[in-house]
Amino acid sequence: IILAIPFGAAGQLAGLFASVPAETV
């Protein structure tokens, strides 16, 4: 998963990553 968003917006996606497996880069 590549994040290509403004730095300040990254925190808004925290819930989205809650179910991402640890081995996902």
PDBML (XML) file of the C-alpha atoms, coordinates in Angstrom:
<?xml version="1.0" encoding="UTF-8" ?>
<PDBx:datablock datablockName="MODEL"
   xmlns:PDBx="http://pdbml.pdb.org/schema/pdbx-v50.xsd"
   xmlns:xsi="http://www.w3.org/2001/XMLSchema-instance"
   xsi:schemaLocation="http://pdbml.pdb.org/schema/pdbx-v50.xsd pdbx-v50.xsd">
   <PDBx:atom_siteCategory>
      <PDBx:atom_site id="1">
         <PDBx:B_iso_or_equiv>0.00</PDBx:B_iso_or_equiv>
         <PDBx:Cartn_x>0.000</PDBx:Cartn_x>
         <PDBx:Cartn_y>0.000</PDBx:Cartn_y>
         <PDBx:Cartn_z>0.000</PDBx:Cartn_z>
         <PDBx:auth_asym_id>A</PDBx:auth_asym_id>
         <PDBx:auth_atom_id>CA</PDBx:auth_atom_id>
         <PDBx:auth_comp_id>ILE</PDBx:auth_comp_id>
         <PDBx:auth_seq_id>1</PDBx:auth_seq_id>
         <PDBx:group_PDB>ATOM</PDBx:group_PDB>
         <PDBx:label_alt_id xsi:nil="true" />
         <PDBx:label_asym_id>A</PDBx:label_asym_id>
         <PDBx:label_atom_id>CA</PDBx:label_atom_id>
         <PDBx:label_comp_id>ILE</PDBx:label_comp_id>
         <PDBx:label_entity_id>1</PDBx:label_entity_id>
         <PDBx:label_seq_id>1</PDBx:label_seq_id>
         <PDBx:occupancy>1.00</PDBx:occupancy>
         <PDBx:pdbx_PDB_model_num>1</PDBx:pdbx_PDB_model_num>
         <PDBx:type_symbol>C</PDBx:type_symbol>
      </PDBx:atom_site>
      <PDBx:atom_site id="2">
         <PDBx:B_iso_or_equiv>0.00</PDBx:B_iso_or_equiv>
         <PDBx:Cartn_x>1.488</PDBx:Cartn_x>
         <PDBx:Cartn_y>3.318</PDBx:Cartn_y>
         <PDBx:Cartn_z>-1.066</PDBx:Cartn_z>
         <PDBx:auth_asym_id>A</PDBx:auth_asym_id>
         <PDBx:auth_atom_id>CA</PDBx:auth_atom_id>
         <PDBx:auth_comp_id>ILE</PDBx:auth_comp_id>
         <PDBx:auth_seq_id>2</PDBx:auth_seq_id>
         <PDBx:group_PDB>ATOM</PDBx:group_PDB>
         <PDBx:label_alt_id xsi:nil="true" />
         <PDBx:label_asym_id>A</PDBx:label_asym_id>
         <PDBx:label_atom_id>CA</PDBx:label_atom_id>
         <PDBx:label_comp_id>ILE</PDBx:label_comp_id>
         <PDBx:label_entity_id>1</PDBx:label_entity_id>
         <PDBx:label_seq_id>2</PDBx:label_seq_id>
         <PDBx:occupancy>1.00</PDBx:occupancy>
         <PDBx:pdbx_PDB_model_num>1</PDBx:pdbx_PDB_model_num>
         <PDBx:type_symbol>C</PDBx:type_symbol>
      </PDBx:atom_site>
      <PDBx:atom_site id="3">
         <PDBx:B_iso_or_equiv>0.00</PDBx:B_iso_or_equiv>
         <PDBx:Cartn_x>0.301</PDBx:Cartn_x>
         <PDBx:Cartn_y>6.507</PDBx:Cartn_y>
         <PDBx:Cartn_z>0.604</PDBx:Cartn_z>
         <PDBx:auth_asym_id>A</PDBx:auth_asym_id>
         <PDBx:auth_atom_id>CA</PDBx:auth_atom_id>
         <PDBx:auth_comp_id>LEU</PDBx:auth_comp_id>
         <PDBx:auth_seq_id>3</PDBx:auth_seq_id>
         <PDBx:group_PDB>ATOM</PDBx:group_PDB>
         <PDBx:label_alt_id xsi:nil="true" />
         <PDBx:label_asym_id>A</PDBx:label_asym_id>
         <PDBx:label_atom_id>CA</PDBx:label_atom_id>
         <PDBx:label_comp_id>LEU</PDBx:label_comp_id>
         <PDBx:label_entity_id>1</PDBx:label_entity_id>
         <PDBx:label_seq_id>3</PDBx:label_seq_id>
         <PDBx:occupancy>1.00</PDBx:occupancy>
         <PDBx:pdbx_PDB_model_num>1</PDBx:pdbx_PDB_model_num>
         <PDBx:type_symbol>C</PDBx:type_symbol>
      </PDBx:atom_site>
      <PDBx:atom_site id="4">
         <PDBx:B_iso_or_equiv>0.00</PDBx:B_iso_or_equiv>
         <PDBx:Cartn_x>0.600</PDBx:Cartn_x>
         <PDBx:Cartn_y>9.467</PDBx:Cartn_y>
         <PDBx:Cartn_z>-1.729</PDBx:Cartn_z>
         <PDBx:auth_asym_id>A</PDBx:auth_asym_id>
         <PDBx:auth_atom_id>CA</PDBx:auth_atom_id>
         <PDBx:auth_comp_id>ALA</PDBx:auth_comp_id>
         <PDBx:auth_seq_id>4</PDBx:auth_seq_id>
         <PDBx:group_PDB>ATOM</PDBx:group_PDB>
         <PDBx:label_alt_id xsi:nil="true" />
         <PDBx:label_asym_id>A</PDBx:label_asym_id>
         <PDBx:label_atom_id>CA</PDBx:label_atom_id>
         <PDBx:label_comp_id>ALA</PDBx:label_comp_id>
         <PDBx:label_entity_id>1</PDBx:label_entity_id>
         <PDBx:label_seq_id>4</PDBx:label_seq_id>
         <PDBx:occupancy>1.00</PDBx:occupancy>
         <PDBx:pdbx_PDB_model_num>1</PDBx:pdbx_PDB_model_num>
         <PDBx:type_symbol>C</PDBx:type_symbol>
      </PDBx:atom_site>
      <PDBx:atom_site id="5">
         <PDBx:B_iso_or_equiv>0.00</PDBx:B_iso_or_equiv>
         <PDBx:Cartn_x>-1.439</PDBx:Cartn_x>
         <PDBx:Cartn_y>11.988</PDBx:Cartn_y>
         <PDBx:Cartn_z>0.213</PDBx:Cartn_z>
         <PDBx:auth_asym_id>A</PDBx:auth_asym_id>
         <PDBx:auth_atom_id>CA</PDBx:auth_atom_id>
         <PDBx:auth_comp_id>ILE</PDBx:auth_comp_id>
         <PDBx:auth_seq_id>5</PDBx:auth_seq_id>
         <PDBx:group_PDB>ATOM</PDBx:group_PDB>
         <PDBx:label_alt_id xsi:nil="true" />
         <PDBx:label_asym_id>A</PDBx:label_asym_id>
         <PDBx:label_atom_id>CA</PDBx:label_atom_id>
         <PDBx:label_comp_id>ILE</PDBx:label_comp_id>
         <PDBx:label_entity_id>1</PDBx:label_entity_id>
         <PDBx:label_seq_id>5</PDBx:label_seq_id>
         <PDBx:occupancy>1.00</PDBx:occupancy>
         <PDBx:pdbx_PDB_model_num>1</PDBx:pdbx_PDB_model_num>
         <PDBx:type_symbol>C</PDBx:type_symbol>
      </PDBx:atom_site>
      <PDBx:atom_site id="6">
         <PDBx:B_iso_or_equiv>0.00</PDBx:B_iso_or_equiv>
         <PDBx:Cartn_x>-0.675</PDBx:Cartn_x>
         <PDBx:Cartn_y>15.264</PDBx:Cartn_y>
         <PDBx:Cartn_z>1.992</PDBx:Cartn_z>
         <PDBx:auth_asym_id>A</PDBx:auth_asym_id>
         <PDBx:auth_atom_id>CA</PDBx:auth_atom_id>
         <PDBx:auth_comp_id>PRO</PDBx:auth_comp_id>
         <PDBx:auth_seq_id>6</PDBx:auth_seq_id>
         <PDBx:group_PDB>ATOM</PDBx:group_PDB>
         <PDBx:label_alt_id xsi:nil="true" />
         <PDBx:label_asym_id>A</PDBx:label_asym_id>
         <PDBx:label_atom_id>CA</PDBx:label_atom_id>
         <PDBx:label_comp_id>PRO</PDBx:label_comp_id>
         <PDBx:label_entity_id>1</PDBx:label_entity_id>
         <PDBx:label_seq_id>6</PDBx:label_seq_id>
         <PDBx:occupancy>1.00</PDBx:occupancy>
         <PDBx:pdbx_PDB_model_num>1</PDBx:pdbx_PDB_model_num>
         <PDBx:type_symbol>C</PDBx:type_symbol>
      </PDBx:atom_site>
      <PDBx:atom_site id="7">
         <PDBx:B_iso_or_equiv>0.00</PDBx:B_iso_or_equiv>
         <PDBx:Cartn_x>1.276</PDBx:Cartn_x>
         <PDBx:Cartn_y>14.688</PDBx:Cartn_y>
         <PDBx:Cartn_z>5.221</PDBx:Cartn_z>
         <PDBx:auth_asym_id>A</PDBx:auth_asym_id>
         <PDBx:auth_atom_id>CA</PDBx:auth_atom_id>
         <PDBx:auth_comp_id>PHE</PDBx:auth_comp_id>
         <PDBx:auth_seq_id>7</PDBx:auth_seq_id>
         <PDBx:group_PDB>ATOM</PDBx:group_PDB>
         <PDBx:label_alt_id xsi:nil="true" />
         <PDBx:label_asym_id>A</PDBx:label_asym_id>
         <PDBx:label_atom_id>CA</PDBx:label_atom_id>
         <PDBx:label_comp_id>PHE</PDBx:label_comp_id>
         <PDBx:label_entity_id>1</PDBx:label_entity_id>
         <PDBx:label_seq_id>7</PDBx:label_seq_id>
         <PDBx:occupancy>1.00</PDBx:occupancy>
         <PDBx:pdbx_PDB_model_num>1</PDBx:pdbx_PDB_model_num>
         <PDBx:type_symbol>C</PDBx:type_symbol>
      </PDBx:atom_site>
      <PDBx:atom_site id="8">
         <PDBx:B_iso_or_equiv>0.00</PDBx:B_iso_or_equiv>
         <PDBx:Cartn_x>-1.452</PDBx:Cartn_x>
         <PDBx:Cartn_y>16.186</PDBx:Cartn_y>
         <PDBx:Cartn_z>7.407</PDBx:Cartn_z>
         <PDBx:auth_asym_id>A</PDBx:auth_asym_id>
         <PDBx:auth_atom_id>CA</PDBx:auth_atom_id>
         <PDBx:auth_comp_id>GLY</PDBx:auth_comp_id>
         <PDBx:auth_seq_id>8</PDBx:auth_seq_id>
         <PDBx:group_PDB>ATOM</PDBx:group_PDB>
         <PDBx:label_alt_id xsi:nil="true" />
         <PDBx:label_asym_id>A</PDBx:label_asym_id>
         <PDBx:label_atom_id>CA</PDBx:label_atom_id>
         <PDBx:label_comp_id>GLY</PDBx:label_comp_id>
         <PDBx:label_entity_id>1</PDBx:label_entity_id>
         <PDBx:label_seq_id>8</PDBx:label_seq_id>
         <PDBx:occupancy>1.00</PDBx:occupancy>
         <PDBx:pdbx_PDB_model_num>1</PDBx:pdbx_PDB_model_num>
         <PDBx:type_symbol>C</PDBx:type_symbol>
      </PDBx:atom_site>
      <PDBx:atom_site id="9">
         <PDBx:B_iso_or_equiv>0.00</PDBx:B_iso_or_equiv>
         <PDBx:Cartn_x>-4.124</PDBx:Cartn_x>
         <PDBx:Cartn_y>13.849</PDBx:Cartn_y>
         <PDBx:Cartn_z>6.030</PDBx:Cartn_z>
         <PDBx:auth_asym_id>A</PDBx:auth_asym_id>
         <PDBx:auth_atom_id>CA</PDBx:auth_atom_id>
         <PDBx:auth_comp_id>ALA</PDBx:auth_comp_id>
         <PDBx:auth_seq_id>9</PDBx:auth_seq_id>
         <PDBx:group_PDB>ATOM</PDBx:group_PDB>
         <PDBx:label_alt_id xsi:nil="true" />
         <PDBx:label_asym_id>A</PDBx:label_asym_id>
         <PDBx:label_atom_id>CA</PDBx:label_atom_id>
         <PDBx:label_comp_id>ALA</PDBx:label_comp_id>
         <PDBx:label_entity_id>1</PDBx:label_entity_id>
         <PDBx:label_seq_id>9</PDBx:label_seq_id>
         <PDBx:occupancy>1.00</PDBx:occupancy>
         <PDBx:pdbx_PDB_model_num>1</PDBx:pdbx_PDB_model_num>
         <PDBx:type_symbol>C</PDBx:type_symbol>
      </PDBx:atom_site>
      <PDBx:atom_site id="10">
         <PDBx:B_iso_or_equiv>0.00</PDBx:B_iso_or_equiv>
         <PDBx:Cartn_x>-2.381</PDBx:Cartn_x>
         <PDBx:Cartn_y>10.594</PDBx:Cartn_y>
         <PDBx:Cartn_z>6.970</PDBx:Cartn_z>
         <PDBx:auth_asym_id>A</PDBx:auth_asym_id>
         <PDBx:auth_atom_id>CA</PDBx:auth_atom_id>
         <PDBx:auth_comp_id>ALA</PDBx:auth_comp_id>
         <PDBx:auth_seq_id>10</PDBx:auth_seq_id>
         <PDBx:group_PDB>ATOM</PDBx:group_PDB>
         <PDBx:label_alt_id xsi:nil="true" />
         <PDBx:label_asym_id>A</PDBx:label_asym_id>
         <PDBx:label_atom_id>CA</PDBx:label_atom_id>
         <PDBx:label_comp_id>ALA</PDBx:label_comp_id>
         <PDBx:label_entity_id>1</PDBx:label_entity_id>
         <PDBx:label_seq_id>10</PDBx:label_seq_id>
         <PDBx:occupancy>1.00</PDBx:occupancy>
         <PDBx:pdbx_PDB_model_num>1</PDBx:pdbx_PDB_model_num>
         <PDBx:type_symbol>C</PDBx:type_symbol>
      </PDBx:atom_site>
      <PDBx:atom_site id="11">
         <PDBx:B_iso_or_equiv>0.00</PDBx:B_iso_or_equiv>
         <PDBx:Cartn_x>-3.827</PDBx:Cartn_x>
         <PDBx:Cartn_y>10.518</PDBx:Cartn_y>
         <PDBx:Cartn_z>10.483</PDBx:Cartn_z>
         <PDBx:auth_asym_id>A</PDBx:auth_asym_id>
         <PDBx:auth_atom_id>CA</PDBx:auth_atom_id>
         <PDBx:auth_comp_id>GLY</PDBx:auth_comp_id>
         <PDBx:auth_seq_id>11</PDBx:auth_seq_id>
         <PDBx:group_PDB>ATOM</PDBx:group_PDB>
         <PDBx:label_alt_id xsi:nil="true" />
         <PDBx:label_asym_id>A</PDBx:label_asym_id>
         <PDBx:label_atom_id>CA</PDBx:label_atom_id>
         <PDBx:label_comp_id>GLY</PDBx:label_comp_id>
         <PDBx:label_entity_id>1</PDBx:label_entity_id>
         <PDBx:label_seq_id>11</PDBx:label_seq_id>
         <PDBx:occupancy>1.00</PDBx:occupancy>
         <PDBx:pdbx_PDB_model_num>1</PDBx:pdbx_PDB_model_num>
         <PDBx:type_symbol>C</PDBx:type_symbol>
      </PDBx:atom_site>
      <PDBx:atom_site id="12">
         <PDBx:B_iso_or_equiv>0.00</PDBx:B_iso_or_equiv>
         <PDBx:Cartn_x>-7.342</PDBx:Cartn_x>
         <PDBx:Cartn_y>10.475</PDBx:Cartn_y>
         <PDBx:Cartn_z>9.067</PDBx:Cartn_z>
         <PDBx:auth_asym_id>A</PDBx:auth_asym_id>
         <PDBx:auth_atom_id>CA</PDBx:auth_atom_id>
         <PDBx:auth_comp_id>GLN</PDBx:auth_comp_id>
         <PDBx:auth_seq_id>12</PDBx:auth_seq_id>
         <PDBx:group_PDB>ATOM</PDBx:group_PDB>
         <PDBx:label_alt_id xsi:nil="true" />
         <PDBx:label_asym_id>A</PDBx:label_asym_id>
         <PDBx:label_atom_id>CA</PDBx:label_atom_id>
         <PDBx:label_comp_id>GLN</PDBx:label_comp_id>
         <PDBx:label_entity_id>1</PDBx:label_entity_id>
         <PDBx:label_seq_id>12</PDBx:label_seq_id>
         <PDBx:occupancy>1.00</PDBx:occupancy>
         <PDBx:pdbx_PDB_model_num>1</PDBx:pdbx_PDB_model_num>
         <PDBx:type_symbol>C</PDBx:type_symbol>
      </PDBx:atom_site>
      <PDBx:atom_site id="13">
         <PDBx:B_iso_or_equiv>0.00</PDBx:B_iso_or_equiv>
         <PDBx:Cartn_x>-6.656</PDBx:Cartn_x>
         <PDBx:Cartn_y>7.043</PDBx:Cartn_y>
         <PDBx:Cartn_z>7.570</PDBx:Cartn_z>
         <PDBx:auth_asym_id>A</PDBx:auth_asym_id>
         <PDBx:auth_atom_id>CA</PDBx:auth_atom_id>
         <PDBx:auth_comp_id>LEU</PDBx:auth_comp_id>
         <PDBx:auth_seq_id>13</PDBx:auth_seq_id>
         <PDBx:group_PDB>ATOM</PDBx:group_PDB>
         <PDBx:label_alt_id xsi:nil="true" />
         <PDBx:label_asym_id>A</PDBx:label_asym_id>
         <PDBx:label_atom_id>CA</PDBx:label_atom_id>
         <PDBx:label_comp_id>LEU</PDBx:label_comp_id>
         <PDBx:label_entity_id>1</PDBx:label_entity_id>
         <PDBx:label_seq_id>13</PDBx:label_seq_id>
         <PDBx:occupancy>1.00</PDBx:occupancy>
         <PDBx:pdbx_PDB_model_num>1</PDBx:pdbx_PDB_model_num>
         <PDBx:type_symbol>C</PDBx:type_symbol>
      </PDBx:atom_site>
      <PDBx:atom_site id="14">
         <PDBx:B_iso_or_equiv>0.00</PDBx:B_iso_or_equiv>
         <PDBx:Cartn_x>-5.598</PDBx:Cartn_x>
         <PDBx:Cartn_y>5.323</PDBx:Cartn_y>
         <PDBx:Cartn_z>10.814</PDBx:Cartn_z>
         <PDBx:auth_asym_id>A</PDBx:auth_asym_id>
         <PDBx:auth_atom_id>CA</PDBx:auth_atom_id>
         <PDBx:auth_comp_id>ALA</PDBx:auth_comp_id>
         <PDBx:auth_seq_id>14</PDBx:auth_seq_id>
         <PDBx:group_PDB>ATOM</PDBx:group_PDB>
         <PDBx:label_alt_id xsi:nil="true" />
         <PDBx:label_asym_id>A</PDBx:label_asym_id>
         <PDBx:label_atom_id>CA</PDBx:label_atom_id>
         <PDBx:label_comp_id>ALA</PDBx:label_comp_id>
         <PDBx:label_entity_id>1</PDBx:label_entity_id>
         <PDBx:label_seq_id>14</PDBx:label_seq_id>
         <PDBx:occupancy>1.00</PDBx:occupancy>
         <PDBx:pdbx_PDB_model_num>1</PDBx:pdbx_PDB_model_num>
         <PDBx:type_symbol>C</PDBx:type_symbol>
      </PDBx:atom_site>
      <PDBx:atom_site id="15">
         <PDBx:B_iso_or_equiv>0.00</PDBx:B_iso_or_equiv>
         <PDBx:Cartn_x>-8.873</PDBx:Cartn_x>
         <PDBx:Cartn_y>3.393</PDBx:Cartn_y>
         <PDBx:Cartn_z>11.083</PDBx:Cartn_z>
         <PDBx:auth_asym_id>A</PDBx:auth_asym_id>
         <PDBx:auth_atom_id>CA</PDBx:auth_atom_id>
         <PDBx:auth_comp_id>GLY</PDBx:auth_comp_id>
         <PDBx:auth_seq_id>15</PDBx:auth_seq_id>
         <PDBx:group_PDB>ATOM</PDBx:group_PDB>
         <PDBx:label_alt_id xsi:nil="true" />
         <PDBx:label_asym_id>A</PDBx:label_asym_id>
         <PDBx:label_atom_id>CA</PDBx:label_atom_id>
         <PDBx:label_comp_id>GLY</PDBx:label_comp_id>
         <PDBx:label_entity_id>1</PDBx:label_entity_id>
         <PDBx:label_seq_id>15</PDBx:label_seq_id>
         <PDBx:occupancy>1.00</PDBx:occupancy>
         <PDBx:pdbx_PDB_model_num>1</PDBx:pdbx_PDB_model_num>
         <PDBx:type_symbol>C</PDBx:type_symbol>
      </PDBx:atom_site>
      <PDBx:atom_site id="16">
         <PDBx:B_iso_or_equiv>0.00</PDBx:B_iso_or_equiv>
         <PDBx:Cartn_x>-8.495</PDBx:Cartn_x>
         <PDBx:Cartn_y>2.163</PDBx:Cartn_y>
         <PDBx:Cartn_z>7.518</PDBx:Cartn_z>
         <PDBx:auth_asym_id>A</PDBx:auth_asym_id>
         <PDBx:auth_atom_id>CA</PDBx:auth_atom_id>
         <PDBx:auth_comp_id>LEU</PDBx:auth_comp_id>
         <PDBx:auth_seq_id>16</PDBx:auth_seq_id>
         <PDBx:group_PDB>ATOM</PDBx:group_PDB>
         <PDBx:label_alt_id xsi:nil="true" />
         <PDBx:label_asym_id>A</PDBx:label_asym_id>
         <PDBx:label_atom_id>CA</PDBx:label_atom_id>
         <PDBx:label_comp_id>LEU</PDBx:label_comp_id>
         <PDBx:label_entity_id>1</PDBx:label_entity_id>
         <PDBx:label_seq_id>16</PDBx:label_seq_id>
         <PDBx:occupancy>1.00</PDBx:occupancy>
         <PDBx:pdbx_PDB_model_num>1</PDBx:pdbx_PDB_model_num>
         <PDBx:type_symbol>C</PDBx:type_symbol>
      </PDBx:atom_site>
      <PDBx:atom_site id="17">
         <PDBx:B_iso_or_equiv>0.00</PDBx:B_iso_or_equiv>
         <PDBx:Cartn_x>-5.233</PDBx:Cartn_x>
         <PDBx:Cartn_y>0.438</PDBx:Cartn_y>
         <PDBx:Cartn_z>8.426</PDBx:Cartn_z>
         <PDBx:auth_asym_id>A</PDBx:auth_asym_id>
         <PDBx:auth_atom_id>CA</PDBx:auth_atom_id>
         <PDBx:auth_comp_id>PHE</PDBx:auth_comp_id>
         <PDBx:auth_seq_id>17</PDBx:auth_seq_id>
         <PDBx:group_PDB>ATOM</PDBx:group_PDB>
         <PDBx:label_alt_id xsi:nil="true" />
         <PDBx:label_asym_id>A</PDBx:label_asym_id>
         <PDBx:label_atom_id>CA</PDBx:label_atom_id>
         <PDBx:label_comp_id>PHE</PDBx:label_comp_id>
         <PDBx:label_entity_id>1</PDBx:label_entity_id>
         <PDBx:label_seq_id>17</PDBx:label_seq_id>
         <PDBx:occupancy>1.00</PDBx:occupancy>
         <PDBx:pdbx_PDB_model_num>1</PDBx:pdbx_PDB_model_num>
         <PDBx:type_symbol>C</PDBx:type_symbol>
      </PDBx:atom_site>
      <PDBx:atom_site id="18">
         <PDBx:B_iso_or_equiv>0.00</PDBx:B_iso_or_equiv>
         <PDBx:Cartn_x>-6.538</PDBx:Cartn_x>
         <PDBx:Cartn_y>-1.304</PDBx:Cartn_y>
         <PDBx:Cartn_z>11.562</PDBx:Cartn_z>
         <PDBx:auth_asym_id>A</PDBx:auth_asym_id>
         <PDBx:auth_atom_id>CA</PDBx:auth_atom_id>
         <PDBx:auth_comp_id>ALA</PDBx:auth_comp_id>
         <PDBx:auth_seq_id>18</PDBx:auth_seq_id>
         <PDBx:group_PDB>ATOM</PDBx:group_PDB>
         <PDBx:label_alt_id xsi:nil="true" />
         <PDBx:label_asym_id>A</PDBx:label_asym_id>
         <PDBx:label_atom_id>CA</PDBx:label_atom_id>
         <PDBx:label_comp_id>ALA</PDBx:label_comp_id>
         <PDBx:label_entity_id>1</PDBx:label_entity_id>
         <PDBx:label_seq_id>18</PDBx:label_seq_id>
         <PDBx:occupancy>1.00</PDBx:occupancy>
         <PDBx:pdbx_PDB_model_num>1</PDBx:pdbx_PDB_model_num>
         <PDBx:type_symbol>C</PDBx:type_symbol>
      </PDBx:atom_site>
      <PDBx:atom_site id="19">
         <PDBx:B_iso_or_equiv>0.00</PDBx:B_iso_or_equiv>
         <PDBx:Cartn_x>-7.211</PDBx:Cartn_x>
         <PDBx:Cartn_y>-4.542</PDBx:Cartn_y>
         <PDBx:Cartn_z>9.660</PDBx:Cartn_z>
         <PDBx:auth_asym_id>A</PDBx:auth_asym_id>
         <PDBx:auth_atom_id>CA</PDBx:auth_atom_id>
         <PDBx:auth_comp_id>SER</PDBx:auth_comp_id>
         <PDBx:auth_seq_id>19</PDBx:auth_seq_id>
         <PDBx:group_PDB>ATOM</PDBx:group_PDB>
         <PDBx:label_alt_id xsi:nil="true" />
         <PDBx:label_asym_id>A</PDBx:label_asym_id>
         <PDBx:label_atom_id>CA</PDBx:label_atom_id>
         <PDBx:label_comp_id>SER</PDBx:label_comp_id>
         <PDBx:label_entity_id>1</PDBx:label_entity_id>
         <PDBx:label_seq_id>19</PDBx:label_seq_id>
         <PDBx:occupancy>1.00</PDBx:occupancy>
         <PDBx:pdbx_PDB_model_num>1</PDBx:pdbx_PDB_model_num>
         <PDBx:type_symbol>C</PDBx:type_symbol>
      </PDBx:atom_site>
      <PDBx:atom_site id="20">
         <PDBx:B_iso_or_equiv>0.00</PDBx:B_iso_or_equiv>
         <PDBx:Cartn_x>-4.104</PDBx:Cartn_x>
         <PDBx:Cartn_y>-4.525</PDBx:Cartn_y>
         <PDBx:Cartn_z>7.449</PDBx:Cartn_z>
         <PDBx:auth_asym_id>A</PDBx:auth_asym_id>
         <PDBx:auth_atom_id>CA</PDBx:auth_atom_id>
         <PDBx:auth_comp_id>VAL</PDBx:auth_comp_id>
         <PDBx:auth_seq_id>20</PDBx:auth_seq_id>
         <PDBx:group_PDB>ATOM</PDBx:group_PDB>
         <PDBx:label_alt_id xsi:nil="true" />
         <PDBx:label_asym_id>A</PDBx:label_asym_id>
         <PDBx:label_atom_id>CA</PDBx:label_atom_id>
         <PDBx:label_comp_id>VAL</PDBx:label_comp_id>
         <PDBx:label_entity_id>1</PDBx:label_entity_id>
         <PDBx:label_seq_id>20</PDBx:label_seq_id>
         <PDBx:occupancy>1.00</PDBx:occupancy>
         <PDBx:pdbx_PDB_model_num>1</PDBx:pdbx_PDB_model_num>
         <PDBx:type_symbol>C</PDBx:type_symbol>
      </PDBx:atom_site>
      <PDBx:atom_site id="21">
         <PDBx:B_iso_or_equiv>0.00</PDBx:B_iso_or_equiv>
         <PDBx:Cartn_x>-1.931</PDBx:Cartn_x>
         <PDBx:Cartn_y>-7.611</PDBx:Cartn_y>
         <PDBx:Cartn_z>8.106</PDBx:Cartn_z>
         <PDBx:auth_asym_id>A</PDBx:auth_asym_id>
         <PDBx:auth_atom_id>CA</PDBx:auth_atom_id>
         <PDBx:auth_comp_id>PRO</PDBx:auth_comp_id>
         <PDBx:auth_seq_id>21</PDBx:auth_seq_id>
         <PDBx:group_PDB>ATOM</PDBx:group_PDB>
         <PDBx:label_alt_id xsi:nil="true" />
         <PDBx:label_asym_id>A</PDBx:label_asym_id>
         <PDBx:label_atom_id>CA</PDBx:label_atom_id>
         <PDBx:label_comp_id>PRO</PDBx:label_comp_id>
         <PDBx:label_entity_id>1</PDBx:label_entity_id>
         <PDBx:label_seq_id>21</PDBx:label_seq_id>
         <PDBx:occupancy>1.00</PDBx:occupancy>
         <PDBx:pdbx_PDB_model_num>1</PDBx:pdbx_PDB_model_num>
         <PDBx:type_symbol>C</PDBx:type_symbol>
      </PDBx:atom_site>
      <PDBx:atom_site id="22">
         <PDBx:B_iso_or_equiv>0.00</PDBx:B_iso_or_equiv>
         <PDBx:Cartn_x>1.510</PDBx:Cartn_x>
         <PDBx:Cartn_y>-7.005</PDBx:Cartn_y>
         <PDBx:Cartn_z>9.610</PDBx:Cartn_z>
         <PDBx:auth_asym_id>A</PDBx:auth_asym_id>
         <PDBx:auth_atom_id>CA</PDBx:auth_atom_id>
         <PDBx:auth_comp_id>ALA</PDBx:auth_comp_id>
         <PDBx:auth_seq_id>22</PDBx:auth_seq_id>
         <PDBx:group_PDB>ATOM</PDBx:group_PDB>
         <PDBx:label_alt_id xsi:nil="true" />
         <PDBx:label_asym_id>A</PDBx:label_asym_id>
         <PDBx:label_atom_id>CA</PDBx:label_atom_id>
         <PDBx:label_comp_id>ALA</PDBx:label_comp_id>
         <PDBx:label_entity_id>1</PDBx:label_entity_id>
         <PDBx:label_seq_id>22</PDBx:label_seq_id>
         <PDBx:occupancy>1.00</PDBx:occupancy>
         <PDBx:pdbx_PDB_model_num>1</PDBx:pdbx_PDB_model_num>
         <PDBx:type_symbol>C</PDBx:type_symbol>
      </PDBx:atom_site>
      <PDBx:atom_site id="23">
         <PDBx:B_iso_or_equiv>0.00</PDBx:B_iso_or_equiv>
         <PDBx:Cartn_x>3.239</PDBx:Cartn_x>
         <PDBx:Cartn_y>-8.447</PDBx:Cartn_y>
         <PDBx:Cartn_z>6.524</PDBx:Cartn_z>
         <PDBx:auth_asym_id>A</PDBx:auth_asym_id>
         <PDBx:auth_atom_id>CA</PDBx:auth_atom_id>
         <PDBx:auth_comp_id>GLU</PDBx:auth_comp_id>
         <PDBx:auth_seq_id>23</PDBx:auth_seq_id>
         <PDBx:group_PDB>ATOM</PDBx:group_PDB>
         <PDBx:label_alt_id xsi:nil="true" />
         <PDBx:label_asym_id>A</PDBx:label_asym_id>
         <PDBx:label_atom_id>CA</PDBx:label_atom_id>
         <PDBx:label_comp_id>GLU</PDBx:label_comp_id>
         <PDBx:label_entity_id>1</PDBx:label_entity_id>
         <PDBx:label_seq_id>23</PDBx:label_seq_id>
         <PDBx:occupancy>1.00</PDBx:occupancy>
         <PDBx:pdbx_PDB_model_num>1</PDBx:pdbx_PDB_model_num>
         <PDBx:type_symbol>C</PDBx:type_symbol>
      </PDBx:atom_site>
      <PDBx:atom_site id="24">
         <PDBx:B_iso_or_equiv>0.00</PDBx:B_iso_or_equiv>
         <PDBx:Cartn_x>1.703</PDBx:Cartn_x>
         <PDBx:Cartn_y>-5.812</PDBx:Cartn_y>
         <PDBx:Cartn_z>4.214</PDBx:Cartn_z>
         <PDBx:auth_asym_id>A</PDBx:auth_asym_id>
         <PDBx:auth_atom_id>CA</PDBx:auth_atom_id>
         <PDBx:auth_comp_id>THR</PDBx:auth_comp_id>
         <PDBx:auth_seq_id>24</PDBx:auth_seq_id>
         <PDBx:group_PDB>ATOM</PDBx:group_PDB>
         <PDBx:label_alt_id xsi:nil="true" />
         <PDBx:label_asym_id>A</PDBx:label_asym_id>
         <PDBx:label_atom_id>CA</PDBx:label_atom_id>
         <PDBx:label_comp_id>THR</PDBx:label_comp_id>
         <PDBx:label_entity_id>1</PDBx:label_entity_id>
         <PDBx:label_seq_id>24</PDBx:label_seq_id>
         <PDBx:occupancy>1.00</PDBx:occupancy>
         <PDBx:pdbx_PDB_model_num>1</PDBx:pdbx_PDB_model_num>
         <PDBx:type_symbol>C</PDBx:type_symbol>
      </PDBx:atom_site>
      <PDBx:atom_site id="25">
         <PDBx:B_iso_or_equiv>0.00</PDBx:B_iso_or_equiv>
         <PDBx:Cartn_x>4.329</PDBx:Cartn_x>
         <PDBx:Cartn_y>-3.270</PDBx:Cartn_y>
         <PDBx:Cartn_z>3.129</PDBx:Cartn_z>
         <PDBx:auth_asym_id>A</PDBx:auth_asym_id>
         <PDBx:auth_atom_id>CA</PDBx:auth_atom_id>
         <PDBx:auth_comp_id>VAL</PDBx:auth_comp_id>
         <PDBx:auth_seq_id>25</PDBx:auth_seq_id>
         <PDBx:group_PDB>ATOM</PDBx:group_PDB>
         <PDBx:label_alt_id xsi:nil="true" />
         <PDBx:label_asym_id>A</PDBx:label_asym_id>
         <PDBx:label_atom_id>CA</PDBx:label_atom_id>
         <PDBx:label_comp_id>VAL</PDBx:label_comp_id>
         <PDBx:label_entity_id>1</PDBx:label_entity_id>
         <PDBx:label_seq_id>25</PDBx:label_seq_id>
         <PDBx:occupancy>1.00</PDBx:occupancy>
         <PDBx:pdbx_PDB_model_num>1</PDBx:pdbx_PDB_model_num>
         <PDBx:type_symbol>C</PDBx:type_symbol>
      </PDBx:atom_site>
   </PDBx:atom_siteCategory>
</PDBx:datablock>
